[in-house]
Amino acid sequence: MLLPIDIPPGIANTLGYLQHYLQGLIKCQNTSEHAINTTLTALTAQLQQITQLMTSPAPVPTPTIALPPIPMFPPPVSSPSPVLTALPKQRARPKLPSPPDFFGE
């Protein structure tokens, strides 16, 4: 933008700043517009897919496989394995003496 020569420098600087600011806003607006258009395109494609799924005939249900019943009682307890019996037994901790009862009878 060309300004006449007789414009005071303060006004020319302000107009230059405003022009720079406006260019930044336009760039930001174009970026936002592009993001909105991309999002709308993706949402339109998804909507078309959903519409196709809703209007297509229902697929034939797949057969289900019957699972064996879960036993209600635990299996019988077998003897401990040799590995477990070979492990050293934990040592019992000594019992600490109880504190004296000063208020007892």
N, C-alpha and C. Protein backbone atom coordinates (compact mmCIF):
# COMPACT_ATOMS: atom_id res chain seq x y z
N MET A 1 0.85 -1.17 0.00
CA MET A 1 0.00 0.00 0.00
C MET A 1 0.90 1.23 0.00
N LEU A 2 0.69 2.07 -0.95
CA LEU A 2 1.48 3.30 -1.05
C LEU A 2 0.72 4.44 -0.38
N LEU A 3 1.47 5.19 0.44
CA LEU A 3 0.88 6.32 1.16
C LEU A 3 1.36 7.63 0.52
N PRO A 4 0.53 8.63 0.55
CA PRO A 4 0.98 9.94 0.05
C PRO A 4 2.16 10.44 0.89
N ILE A 5 2.98 11.26 0.32
CA ILE A 5 4.19 11.76 0.98
C ILE A 5 3.86 12.67 2.17
N ASP A 6 2.78 13.38 2.14
CA ASP A 6 2.48 14.36 3.19
C ASP A 6 1.83 13.75 4.44
N ILE A 7 1.79 12.43 4.62
CA ILE A 7 1.22 11.80 5.82
C ILE A 7 2.28 11.86 6.92
N PRO A 8 1.88 12.27 8.11
CA PRO A 8 2.85 12.34 9.22
C PRO A 8 3.42 10.95 9.54
N PRO A 9 4.68 10.90 10.01
CA PRO A 9 5.31 9.60 10.27
C PRO A 9 4.57 8.76 11.31
N GLY A 10 3.97 9.36 12.33
CA GLY A 10 3.24 8.60 13.35
C GLY A 10 2.07 7.84 12.75
N ILE A 11 1.35 8.50 11.87
CA ILE A 11 0.20 7.86 11.22
C ILE A 11 0.68 6.78 10.27
N ALA A 12 1.77 7.05 9.54
CA ALA A 12 2.31 6.06 8.61
C ALA A 12 2.76 4.80 9.38
N ASN A 13 3.41 4.98 10.55
CA ASN A 13 3.84 3.84 11.37
C ASN A 13 2.63 3.05 11.88
N THR A 14 1.60 3.78 12.30
CA THR A 14 0.40 3.10 12.80
C THR A 14 -0.27 2.30 11.69
N LEU A 15 -0.37 2.90 10.51
CA LEU A 15 -0.97 2.19 9.39
C LEU A 15 -0.14 0.97 8.99
N GLY A 16 1.17 1.07 9.06
CA GLY A 16 2.05 -0.06 8.76
C GLY A 16 1.86 -1.19 9.77
N TYR A 17 1.75 -0.81 11.05
CA TYR A 17 1.51 -1.81 12.10
C TYR A 17 0.17 -2.49 11.87
N LEU A 18 -0.87 -1.72 11.59
CA LEU A 18 -2.19 -2.29 11.36
C LEU A 18 -2.20 -3.22 10.14
N GLN A 19 -1.48 -2.82 9.09
CA GLN A 19 -1.41 -3.66 7.90
C GLN A 19 -0.71 -5.00 8.23
N HIS A 20 0.38 -4.93 8.98
CA HIS A 20 1.10 -6.13 9.39
C HIS A 20 0.20 -7.03 10.25
N TYR A 21 -0.52 -6.42 11.19
CA TYR A 21 -1.42 -7.16 12.07
C TYR A 21 -2.55 -7.81 11.27
N LEU A 22 -3.10 -7.08 10.30
CA LEU A 22 -4.17 -7.60 9.46
C LEU A 22 -3.68 -8.79 8.63
N GLN A 23 -2.45 -8.72 8.12
CA GLN A 23 -1.89 -9.84 7.35
C GLN A 23 -1.76 -11.08 8.25
N GLY A 24 -1.35 -10.88 9.50
CA GLY A 24 -1.25 -12.00 10.44
C GLY A 24 -2.61 -12.61 10.72
N LEU A 25 -3.63 -11.76 10.87
CA LEU A 25 -4.98 -12.26 11.10
C LEU A 25 -5.51 -13.05 9.90
N ILE A 26 -5.23 -12.56 8.71
CA ILE A 26 -5.67 -13.25 7.50
C ILE A 26 -5.00 -14.62 7.40
N LYS A 27 -3.70 -14.66 7.73
CA LYS A 27 -2.98 -15.94 7.70
C LYS A 27 -3.59 -16.91 8.71
N CYS A 28 -3.88 -16.43 9.90
CA CYS A 28 -4.50 -17.27 10.93
C CYS A 28 -5.88 -17.74 10.50
N GLN A 29 -6.65 -16.85 9.88
CA GLN A 29 -7.98 -17.21 9.41
C GLN A 29 -7.90 -18.28 8.31
N ASN A 30 -6.94 -18.15 7.42
CA ASN A 30 -6.79 -19.15 6.35
C ASN A 30 -6.41 -20.52 6.93
N THR A 31 -5.53 -20.52 7.95
CA THR A 31 -5.14 -21.78 8.60
C THR A 31 -6.35 -22.42 9.28
N SER A 32 -7.13 -21.62 9.98
CA SER A 32 -8.33 -22.13 10.66
C SER A 32 -9.34 -22.64 9.64
N GLU A 33 -9.51 -21.92 8.56
CA GLU A 33 -10.46 -22.34 7.53
C GLU A 33 -10.04 -23.68 6.92
N HIS A 34 -8.74 -23.85 6.70
CA HIS A 34 -8.23 -25.11 6.16
C HIS A 34 -8.49 -26.26 7.15
N ALA A 35 -8.24 -26.01 8.44
CA ALA A 35 -8.48 -27.04 9.46
C ALA A 35 -9.95 -27.41 9.53
N ILE A 36 -10.82 -26.42 9.44
CA ILE A 36 -12.27 -26.67 9.48
C ILE A 36 -12.70 -27.48 8.26
N ASN A 37 -12.19 -27.12 7.08
CA ASN A 37 -12.55 -27.85 5.87
C ASN A 37 -12.07 -29.30 5.92
N THR A 38 -10.86 -29.50 6.45
CA THR A 38 -10.33 -30.86 6.57
C THR A 38 -11.19 -31.67 7.53
N THR A 39 -11.57 -31.09 8.65
CA THR A 39 -12.41 -31.77 9.63
C THR A 39 -13.78 -32.09 9.04
N LEU A 40 -14.36 -31.15 8.32
CA LEU A 40 -15.66 -31.40 7.70
C LEU A 40 -15.59 -32.52 6.67
N THR A 41 -14.51 -32.57 5.91
CA THR A 41 -14.34 -33.64 4.93
C THR A 41 -14.27 -35.00 5.62
N ALA A 42 -13.50 -35.08 6.69
CA ALA A 42 -13.37 -36.34 7.43
C ALA A 42 -14.71 -36.74 8.05
N LEU A 43 -15.42 -35.79 8.63
CA LEU A 43 -16.72 -36.09 9.25
C LEU A 43 -17.75 -36.51 8.20
N THR A 44 -17.70 -35.91 7.03
CA THR A 44 -18.62 -36.28 5.95
C THR A 44 -18.35 -37.72 5.51
N ALA A 45 -17.08 -38.09 5.39
CA ALA A 45 -16.73 -39.47 5.02
C ALA A 45 -17.22 -40.45 6.08
N GLN A 46 -17.04 -40.11 7.35
CA GLN A 46 -17.51 -40.98 8.42
C GLN A 46 -19.03 -41.10 8.42
N LEU A 47 -19.71 -40.00 8.16
CA LEU A 47 -21.17 -40.03 8.10
C LEU A 47 -21.64 -40.91 6.95
N GLN A 48 -20.96 -40.86 5.82
CA GLN A 48 -21.32 -41.73 4.70
C GLN A 48 -21.10 -43.19 5.05
N GLN A 49 -20.02 -43.49 5.76
CA GLN A 49 -19.77 -44.88 6.17
C GLN A 49 -20.86 -45.36 7.13
N ILE A 50 -21.23 -44.52 8.07
CA ILE A 50 -22.28 -44.89 9.03
C ILE A 50 -23.60 -45.10 8.29
N THR A 51 -23.90 -44.24 7.33
CA THR A 51 -25.14 -44.37 6.56
C THR A 51 -25.14 -45.68 5.79
N GLN A 52 -24.00 -46.03 5.21
CA GLN A 52 -23.92 -47.30 4.47
C GLN A 52 -24.11 -48.48 5.41
N LEU A 53 -23.53 -48.41 6.59
CA LEU A 53 -23.70 -49.50 7.56
C LEU A 53 -25.14 -49.64 7.99
N MET A 54 -25.82 -48.51 8.15
CA MET A 54 -27.20 -48.55 8.63
C MET A 54 -28.16 -49.03 7.53
N THR A 55 -27.86 -48.75 6.27
CA THR A 55 -28.78 -49.11 5.19
C THR A 55 -28.46 -50.46 4.58
N SER A 56 -27.29 -51.02 4.83
CA SER A 56 -26.95 -52.32 4.25
C SER A 56 -27.68 -53.41 5.02
N PRO A 57 -27.94 -54.55 4.35
CA PRO A 57 -28.63 -55.63 5.06
C PRO A 57 -27.76 -56.14 6.20
N ALA A 58 -28.44 -56.64 7.22
CA ALA A 58 -27.73 -57.12 8.41
C ALA A 58 -26.90 -58.33 8.04
N PRO A 59 -25.67 -58.41 8.54
CA PRO A 59 -24.83 -59.56 8.23
C PRO A 59 -25.36 -60.82 8.93
N VAL A 60 -25.03 -61.96 8.35
CA VAL A 60 -25.46 -63.23 8.94
C VAL A 60 -24.70 -63.41 10.24
N PRO A 61 -25.42 -63.71 11.33
CA PRO A 61 -24.72 -63.84 12.61
C PRO A 61 -23.77 -65.04 12.58
N THR A 62 -22.63 -64.88 13.17
CA THR A 62 -21.65 -65.96 13.24
C THR A 62 -22.07 -66.92 14.34
N PRO A 63 -21.85 -68.22 14.12
CA PRO A 63 -22.23 -69.18 15.16
C PRO A 63 -21.38 -69.00 16.39
N THR A 64 -22.00 -69.22 17.53
CA THR A 64 -21.26 -69.12 18.78
C THR A 64 -20.82 -70.51 19.20
N ILE A 65 -19.66 -70.56 19.79
CA ILE A 65 -19.11 -71.82 20.25
C ILE A 65 -19.44 -71.97 21.73
N ALA A 66 -20.04 -73.12 22.07
CA ALA A 66 -20.41 -73.34 23.47
C ALA A 66 -19.14 -73.66 24.27
N LEU A 67 -18.95 -72.96 25.33
CA LEU A 67 -17.80 -73.19 26.20
C LEU A 67 -18.17 -74.23 27.25
N PRO A 68 -17.20 -75.04 27.67
CA PRO A 68 -17.51 -76.02 28.71
C PRO A 68 -17.88 -75.30 30.00
N PRO A 69 -18.74 -75.92 30.82
CA PRO A 69 -19.15 -75.26 32.07
C PRO A 69 -17.96 -75.14 33.03
N ILE A 70 -17.99 -74.11 33.82
CA ILE A 70 -16.95 -73.87 34.81
C ILE A 70 -17.27 -74.72 36.04
N PRO A 71 -16.30 -75.54 36.52
CA PRO A 71 -16.58 -76.37 37.69
C PRO A 71 -16.87 -75.49 38.90
N MET A 72 -17.86 -75.94 39.68
CA MET A 72 -18.26 -75.17 40.85
C MET A 72 -17.43 -75.50 42.09
N PHE A 73 -16.83 -76.71 42.11
CA PHE A 73 -16.05 -77.12 43.27
C PHE A 73 -14.59 -77.20 42.89
N PRO A 74 -13.68 -76.82 43.79
CA PRO A 74 -12.27 -76.89 43.45
C PRO A 74 -11.83 -78.35 43.33
N PRO A 75 -10.77 -78.61 42.54
CA PRO A 75 -10.30 -79.98 42.40
C PRO A 75 -9.74 -80.47 43.73
N PRO A 76 -9.65 -81.79 43.93
CA PRO A 76 -9.12 -82.32 45.19
C PRO A 76 -7.68 -81.89 45.40
N VAL A 77 -7.32 -81.72 46.65
CA VAL A 77 -5.97 -81.26 46.99
C VAL A 77 -5.04 -82.45 46.89
N SER A 78 -3.96 -82.28 46.14
CA SER A 78 -2.98 -83.35 46.00
C SER A 78 -1.87 -83.13 47.01
N SER A 79 -1.01 -84.11 47.11
CA SER A 79 0.10 -83.98 48.06
C SER A 79 1.04 -82.90 47.60
N PRO A 80 1.75 -82.23 48.51
CA PRO A 80 2.64 -81.14 48.10
C PRO A 80 3.74 -81.67 47.21
N SER A 81 4.16 -80.82 46.30
CA SER A 81 5.21 -81.22 45.36
C SER A 81 6.53 -81.36 46.09
N PRO A 82 7.44 -82.20 45.57
CA PRO A 82 8.74 -82.38 46.22
C PRO A 82 9.53 -81.08 46.28
N VAL A 83 9.32 -80.20 45.32
CA VAL A 83 10.06 -78.93 45.32
C VAL A 83 9.64 -78.10 46.53
N LEU A 84 8.34 -78.06 46.81
CA LEU A 84 7.87 -77.24 47.93
C LEU A 84 8.31 -77.84 49.27
N THR A 85 8.35 -79.16 49.37
CA THR A 85 8.75 -79.76 50.63
C THR A 85 10.24 -79.62 50.86
N ALA A 86 11.03 -79.42 49.79
CA ALA A 86 12.47 -79.29 49.94
C ALA A 86 12.88 -77.89 50.38
N LEU A 87 11.98 -76.92 50.26
CA LEU A 87 12.31 -75.55 50.66
C LEU A 87 12.47 -75.48 52.17
N PRO A 88 13.44 -74.69 52.67
CA PRO A 88 13.61 -74.58 54.12
C PRO A 88 12.40 -73.89 54.73
N LYS A 89 12.04 -74.34 55.90
CA LYS A 89 10.90 -73.74 56.60
C LYS A 89 11.34 -72.43 57.23
N GLN A 90 10.41 -71.50 57.28
CA GLN A 90 10.74 -70.21 57.88
C GLN A 90 10.91 -70.40 59.38
N ARG A 91 11.90 -69.70 59.89
CA ARG A 91 12.13 -69.77 61.34
C ARG A 91 11.09 -68.94 62.04
N ALA A 92 10.61 -69.47 63.14
CA ALA A 92 9.61 -68.74 63.93
C ALA A 92 10.31 -67.59 64.64
N ARG A 93 9.67 -66.47 64.65
CA ARG A 93 10.23 -65.31 65.35
C ARG A 93 10.04 -65.49 66.85
N PRO A 94 11.05 -65.12 67.62
CA PRO A 94 10.87 -65.24 69.08
C PRO A 94 9.81 -64.26 69.57
N LYS A 95 9.06 -64.70 70.55
CA LYS A 95 8.02 -63.85 71.11
C LYS A 95 8.66 -62.84 72.05
N LEU A 96 8.31 -61.59 71.86
CA LEU A 96 8.85 -60.53 72.72
C LEU A 96 8.14 -60.56 74.06
N PRO A 97 8.88 -60.30 75.12
CA PRO A 97 8.22 -60.29 76.43
C PRO A 97 7.23 -59.13 76.51
N SER A 98 6.14 -59.34 77.20
CA SER A 98 5.15 -58.28 77.33
C SER A 98 5.62 -57.29 78.38
N PRO A 99 5.29 -56.01 78.23
CA PRO A 99 5.72 -55.00 79.20
C PRO A 99 5.08 -55.26 80.55
N PRO A 100 5.74 -54.84 81.61
CA PRO A 100 5.17 -55.05 82.94
C PRO A 100 3.86 -54.26 83.11
N ASP A 101 2.95 -54.84 83.89
CA ASP A 101 1.66 -54.21 84.14
C ASP A 101 1.75 -53.47 85.48
N PHE A 102 1.94 -52.17 85.42
CA PHE A 102 2.11 -51.38 86.63
C PHE A 102 0.80 -51.09 87.33
N PHE A 103 -0.29 -51.16 86.62
CA PHE A 103 -1.59 -50.82 87.20
C PHE A 103 -2.40 -52.07 87.54
N GLY A 104 -1.85 -53.23 87.34
CA GLY A 104 -2.59 -54.47 87.58
C GLY A 104 -2.66 -54.76 89.08
N GLU A 105 -3.39 -55.77 89.43
CA GLU A 105 -3.59 -56.13 90.84
C GLU A 105 -2.58 -57.13 91.29
